[in-house]
C-alpha atoms as a PDB file:
ATOM      1  CA  MET A   1      44.940 111.867  78.213  1.00  0.00           C
ATOM      2  CA  ALA A   2      41.449 112.845  77.151  1.00  0.00           C
ATOM      3  CA  VAL A   3      38.327 111.258  75.704  1.00  0.00           C
ATOM      4  CA  LEU A   4      37.637 113.240  72.351  1.00  0.00           C
ATOM      5  CA  GLU A   5      34.252 113.986  70.960  1.00  0.00           C
ATOM      6  CA  ILE A   6      33.268 111.545  68.172  1.00  0.00           C
ATOM      7  CA  LEU A   7      31.918 113.142  64.993  1.00  0.00           C
ATOM      8  CA  VAL A   8      28.623 111.511  64.069  1.00  0.00           C
ATOM      9  CA  TYR A   9      26.842 111.230  60.630  1.00  0.00           C
ATOM     10  CA  PRO A  10      25.611 113.456  58.994  1.00  0.00           C
ATOM     11  CA  ASP A  11      28.483 115.813  60.131  1.00  0.00           C
ATOM     12  CA  PRO A  12      29.863 117.092  56.768  1.00  0.00           C
ATOM     13  CA  ARG A  13      33.433 116.854  58.166  1.00  0.00           C
ATOM     14  CA  LEU A  14      33.270 113.102  58.013  1.00  0.00           C
ATOM     15  CA  LYS A  15      33.630 113.516  54.159  1.00  0.00           C
ATOM     16  CA  GLN A  16      36.897 115.344  54.375  1.00  0.00           C
ATOM     17  CA  ILE A  17      39.998 113.782  53.006  1.00  0.00           C
ATOM     18  CA  SER A  18      42.947 113.485  55.548  1.00  0.00           C
ATOM     19  CA  LYS A  19      46.537 114.680  54.841  1.00  0.00           C
ATOM     20  CA  PRO A  20      49.609 112.493  55.554  1.00  0.00           C
ATOM     21  CA  VAL A  21      51.362 112.971  58.829  1.00  0.00           C
ATOM     22  CA  THR A  22      54.812 114.570  58.377  1.00  0.00           C
ATOM     23  CA  GLN A  23      55.745 115.309  61.943  1.00  0.00           C
ATOM     24  CA  PHE A  24      56.347 112.372  64.298  1.00  0.00           C
ATOM     25  CA  ASP A  25      56.683 114.211  67.563  1.00  0.00           C
ATOM     26  CA  GLY A  26      55.460 114.433  71.103  1.00  0.00           C
ATOM     27  CA  PRO A  27      52.180 116.225  70.175  1.00  0.00           C
ATOM     28  CA  LEU A  28      51.447 113.294  67.682  1.00  0.00           C
ATOM     29  CA  ARG A  29      52.128 110.745  70.346  1.00  0.00           C
ATOM     30  CA  SER A  30      49.941 112.668  72.777  1.00  0.00           C
ATOM     31  CA  PHE A  31      47.144 112.729  70.250  1.00  0.00           C
ATOM     32  CA  VAL A  32      47.486 109.097  69.645  1.00  0.00           C
ATOM     33  CA  GLN A  33      47.033 108.399  73.382  1.00  0.00           C
ATOM     34  CA  ASP A  34      43.878 110.477  73.363  1.00  0.00           C
ATOM     35  CA  LEU A  35      42.561 108.645  70.315  1.00  0.00           C
ATOM     36  CA  GLU A  36      43.205 105.333  71.981  1.00  0.00           C
ATOM     37  CA  GLU A  37      41.475 106.470  75.095  1.00  0.00           C
ATOM     38  CA  THR A  38      38.478 107.616  72.993  1.00  0.00           C
ATOM     39  CA  LEU A  39      38.299 104.136  71.400  1.00  0.00           C
ATOM     40  CA  ARG A  40      38.519 102.375  74.877  1.00  0.00           C
ATOM     41  CA  ALA A  41      35.764 104.651  76.184  1.00  0.00           C
ATOM     42  CA  GLY A  42      33.316 103.696  73.582  1.00  0.00           C
ATOM     43  CA  PRO A  43      30.909 100.775  73.109  1.00  0.00           C
ATOM     44  CA  GLY A  44      33.443  97.884  72.249  1.00  0.00           C
ATOM     45  CA  GLY A  45      34.803  99.150  68.966  1.00  0.00           C
ATOM     46  CA  VAL A  46      37.948  97.654  67.487  1.00  0.00           C
ATOM     47  CA  GLY A  47      39.200 100.651  65.616  1.00  0.00           C
ATOM     48  CA  ILE A  48      39.088 104.423  65.260  1.00  0.00           C
ATOM     49  CA  ALA A  49      40.431 106.946  62.757  1.00  0.00           C
ATOM     50  CA  ALA A  50      41.659 110.509  63.416  1.00  0.00           C
ATOM     51  CA  PRO A  51      39.054 112.135  61.247  1.00  0.00           C
ATOM     52  CA  GLN A  52      36.255 110.667  63.557  1.00  0.00           C
ATOM     53  CA  VAL A  53      37.417 113.081  66.237  1.00  0.00           C
ATOM     54  CA  GLY A  54      37.909 116.056  63.739  1.00  0.00           C
ATOM     55  CA  ARG A  55      41.700 115.620  63.090  1.00  0.00           C
ATOM     56  CA  PHE A  56      42.227 115.226  59.414  1.00  0.00           C
ATOM     57  CA  GLU A  57      45.538 113.372  59.276  1.00  0.00           C
ATOM     58  CA  ARG A  58      46.098 109.817  58.202  1.00  0.00           C
ATOM     59  CA  ILE A  59      46.039 108.052  61.672  1.00  0.00           C
ATOM     60  CA  ILE A  60      44.167 105.011  62.683  1.00  0.00           C
ATOM     61  CA  ILE A  61      44.256 102.546  65.606  1.00  0.00           C
ATOM     62  CA  VAL A  62      43.036  98.971  65.214  1.00  0.00           C
ATOM     63  CA  ASP A  63      43.058  96.303  67.942  1.00  0.00           C
ATOM     64  CA  VAL A  64      40.960  93.141  67.246  1.00  0.00           C
ATOM     65  CA  SER A  65      42.790  91.108  70.041  1.00  0.00           C
ATOM     66  CA  SER A  66      39.681  91.104  72.181  1.00  0.00           C
ATOM     67  CA  LYS A  67      37.925  88.885  69.607  1.00  0.00           C
ATOM     68  CA  PRO A  68      38.539  85.182  70.395  1.00  0.00           C
ATOM     69  CA  LYS A  69      40.129  82.981  67.624  1.00  0.00           C
ATOM     70  CA  ILE A  70      40.946  85.838  65.400  1.00  0.00           C
ATOM     71  CA  LYS A  71      44.462  86.031  63.773  1.00  0.00           C
ATOM     72  CA  HIS A  72      45.837  89.514  64.519  1.00  0.00           C
ATOM     73  CA  HIS A  73      48.860  91.610  65.065  1.00  0.00           C
ATOM     74  CA  GLY A  74      47.761  93.191  68.403  1.00  0.00           C
ATOM     75  CA  ARG A  75      47.198  96.794  69.113  1.00  0.00           C
ATOM     76  CA  LEU A  76      48.245  98.749  65.953  1.00  0.00           C
ATOM     77  CA  VAL A  77      48.904 102.384  65.557  1.00  0.00           C
ATOM     78  CA  LEU A  78      48.979 102.915  61.813  1.00  0.00           C
ATOM     79  CA  ILE A  79      50.117 106.226  60.455  1.00  0.00           C
ATOM     80  CA  ASN A  80      49.912 106.954  56.631  1.00  0.00           C
ATOM     81  CA  PRO A  81      48.683 103.419  55.917  1.00  0.00           C
ATOM     82  CA  GLU A  82      48.526 102.265  52.364  1.00  0.00           C
ATOM     83  CA  ILE A  83      47.368  98.861  51.002  1.00  0.00           C
ATOM     84  CA  LEU A  84      49.953  97.402  48.695  1.00  0.00           C
ATOM     85  CA  SER A  85      47.940  94.295  47.682  1.00  0.00           C
ATOM     86  CA  GLN A  86      44.582  92.902  48.269  1.00  0.00           C
ATOM     87  CA  GLU A  87      42.957  89.502  47.468  1.00  0.00           C
ATOM     88  CA  GLY A  88      39.511  87.879  47.650  1.00  0.00           C
ATOM     89  CA  SER A  89      36.359  89.411  48.679  1.00  0.00           C
ATOM     90  CA  ALA A  90      33.814  88.784  51.481  1.00  0.00           C
ATOM     91  CA  VAL A  91      30.708  90.488  52.613  1.00  0.00           C
ATOM     92  CA  GLY A  92      30.477  91.155  56.446  1.00  0.00           C
ATOM     93  CA  ARG A  93      28.339  93.162  58.939  1.00  0.00           C
ATOM     94  CA  GLU A  94      30.154  96.324  60.066  1.00  0.00           C
ATOM     95  CA  GLY A  95      29.316  98.887  62.730  1.00  0.00           C
ATOM     96  CA  CYS A  96      30.829 102.429  63.133  1.00  0.00           C
ATOM     97  CA  LEU A  97      31.381 104.826  66.084  1.00  0.00           C
ATOM     98  CA  SER A  98      30.293 107.586  63.655  1.00  0.00           C
ATOM     99  CA  VAL A  99      27.110 105.875  62.571  1.00  0.00           C
ATOM    100  CA  PRO A 100      26.069 104.579  65.977  1.00  0.00           C
ATOM    101  CA  GLU A 101      22.482 103.599  65.291  1.00  0.00           C
ATOM    102  CA  TYR A 102      23.087 101.339  62.210  1.00  0.00           C
ATOM    103  CA  THR A 103      25.105  98.416  60.976  1.00  0.00           C
ATOM    104  CA  GLY A 104      25.500  97.217  57.429  1.00  0.00           C
ATOM    105  CA  ASN A 105      26.844  94.669  55.172  1.00  0.00           C
ATOM    106  CA  VAL A 106      29.961  95.624  53.371  1.00  0.00           C
ATOM    107  CA  ALA A 107      32.187  93.938  50.922  1.00  0.00           C
ATOM    108  CA  ARG A 108      35.967  94.070  51.696  1.00  0.00           C
ATOM    109  CA  SER A 109      39.066  92.172  50.645  1.00  0.00           C
ATOM    110  CA  LYS A 110      39.830  88.990  52.660  1.00  0.00           C
ATOM    111  CA  PHE A 111      43.586  89.528  52.515  1.00  0.00           C
ATOM    112  CA  ILE A 112      45.759  92.682  52.350  1.00  0.00           C
ATOM    113  CA  THR A 113      49.388  93.556  52.592  1.00  0.00           C
ATOM    114  CA  LEU A 114      49.668  96.904  54.398  1.00  0.00           C
ATOM    115  CA  ARG A 115      52.421  99.464  54.700  1.00  0.00           C
ATOM    116  CA  ALA A 116      52.347 102.156  57.416  1.00  0.00           C
ATOM    117  CA  GLN A 117      54.405 103.893  60.096  1.00  0.00           C
ATOM    118  CA  ASP A 118      54.127 103.888  63.797  1.00  0.00           C
ATOM    119  CA  GLU A 119      53.768 106.988  66.003  1.00  0.00           C
ATOM    120  CA  PHE A 120      57.692 107.322  65.922  1.00  0.00           C
ATOM    121  CA  GLY A 121      57.794 107.177  62.136  1.00  0.00           C
ATOM    122  CA  LYS A 122      59.188 103.686  62.046  1.00  0.00           C
ATOM    123  CA  PRO A 123      58.138 101.708  58.881  1.00  0.00           C
ATOM    124  CA  LEU A 124      55.716  98.823  59.342  1.00  0.00           C
ATOM    125  CA  GLU A 125      54.396  96.204  56.945  1.00  0.00           C
ATOM    126  CA  PHE A 126      51.833  93.553  57.710  1.00  0.00           C
ATOM    127  CA  ASN A 127      50.048  90.692  55.971  1.00  0.00           C
ATOM    128  CA  MET A 128      46.441  90.744  57.371  1.00  0.00           C
ATOM    129  CA  GLU A 129      43.455  88.508  56.840  1.00  0.00           C
ATOM    130  CA  ARG A 130      39.779  88.349  57.192  1.00  0.00           C
ATOM    131  CA  TYR A 131      38.423  90.339  60.400  1.00  0.00           C
ATOM    132  CA  GLU A 132      41.813  92.292  61.038  1.00  0.00           C
ATOM    133  CA  ALA A 133      41.840  93.138  57.354  1.00  0.00           C
ATOM    134  CA  ARG A 134      38.315  94.140  57.364  1.00  0.00           C
ATOM    135  CA  ALA A 135      38.756  96.449  60.383  1.00  0.00           C
ATOM    136  CA  VAL A 136      41.846  98.112  58.836  1.00  0.00           C
ATOM    137  CA  GLN A 137      40.125  98.719  55.555  1.00  0.00           C
ATOM    138  CA  HIS A 138      36.981 100.204  57.429  1.00  0.00           C
ATOM    139  CA  GLU A 139      39.206 102.751  59.432  1.00  0.00           C
ATOM    140  CA  MET A 140      41.305 103.578  56.361  1.00  0.00           C
ATOM    141  CA  ASP A 141      37.967 104.550  54.524  1.00  0.00           C
ATOM    142  CA  HIS A 142      37.630 107.269  57.091  1.00  0.00           C
ATOM    143  CA  LEU A 143      40.874 108.834  55.941  1.00  0.00           C
ATOM    144  CA  ASP A 144      39.306 109.180  52.465  1.00  0.00           C
ATOM    145  CA  GLY A 145      36.069 110.649  53.804  1.00  0.00           C
ATOM    146  CA  LEU A 146      34.070 107.333  53.339  1.00  0.00           C
ATOM    147  CA  LEU A 147      31.722 105.731  55.888  1.00  0.00           C
ATOM    148  CA  LEU A 148      30.284 102.248  55.906  1.00  0.00           C
ATOM    149  CA  LEU A 149      27.124 103.928  54.398  1.00  0.00           C
ATOM    150  CA  ASP A 150      29.213 104.592  51.261  1.00  0.00           C
ATOM    151  CA  ARG A 151      30.153 100.982  50.916  1.00  0.00           C
ATOM    152  CA  LEU A 152      26.839  99.025  51.582  1.00  0.00           C
ATOM    153  CA  VAL A 153      26.363  96.040  49.344  1.00  0.00           C
ATOM    154  CA  SER A 154      22.747  97.421  48.687  1.00  0.00           C
ATOM    155  CA  ARG A 155      20.286  99.666  50.492  1.00  0.00           C
ATOM    156  CA  ARG A 156      18.607  96.532  52.035  1.00  0.00           C
ATOM    157  CA  ASP A 157      21.902  95.855  53.825  1.00  0.00           C
ATOM    158  CA  LEU A 158      21.594  98.641  56.321  1.00  0.00           C
ATOM    159  CA  PHE A 159      20.121  97.699  59.743  1.00  0.00           C
ATOM    160  CA  ARG A 160      19.126  99.657  62.803  1.00  0.00           C
ATOM    161  CA  ARG A 161      20.931  98.577  65.863  1.00  0.00           C
ATOM    162  CA  GLN A 162      18.942  97.208  68.578  1.00  0.00           C
ATOM    163  CA  THR A 163      19.421  99.278  71.762  1.00  0.00           C
ATOM    164  CA  GLN A 164      19.016  97.961  75.246  1.00  0.00           C
ATOM    165  CA  GLU A 165      16.109 100.354  75.571  1.00  0.00           C
ATOM    166  CA  ALA A 166      14.470  98.633  72.637  1.00  0.00           C
ATOM    167  CA  THR A 167      15.132  95.109  73.861  1.00  0.00           C
ATOM    168  CA  ALA A 168      14.491  95.622  77.544  1.00  0.00           C
ATOM    169  CA  PRO A 169      11.241  94.226  78.922  1.00  0.00           C
ATOM    170  CA  LYS A 170       8.693  96.902  79.701  1.00  0.00           C
ATOM    171  CA  THR A 171       7.729  97.323  83.374  1.00  0.00           C
ATOM    172  CA  LYS A 172       4.415  98.447  84.587  1.00  0.00           C
ATOM    173  CA  THR A 173       4.252 101.552  86.556  1.00  0.00           C
ATOM    174  CA  SER A 174       1.421 102.629  88.922  1.00  0.00           C
END
């Protein structure tokens, strides 16, 4: 397994549209392991999409299980995901591994029904809500060349992340 390099905005490859996966084989499963290791090595993200590491196929991983009191389906490898239905709308703050210095307010559907395949090609279907639905929609946007910057509620809804450097107390040196 390997930690892959994450493409960062304004890299033009992040605008590329991904193709469906057609081969469910050992190399695909190996890539999924590398993608998951890349997610786990990052700063606490809950999802990652293949285009974020320069592979333009419709593959995402979402795992919101570390968030307390969130209804979820555990760690999900979702290949060729498609939203069958969606309901409601809510604005929420999102961050992105490919836009590391900013967060933004984005409107997403509250409830979705999702169809996908796992890394073996097995069909999956889920009813998702709120945070998990938001995370899946965010990652699916990467498959279509969209970033949270493209989905901001307004320009005023983009915020610079506070870094440890910016928030750490200054020390006097002699």
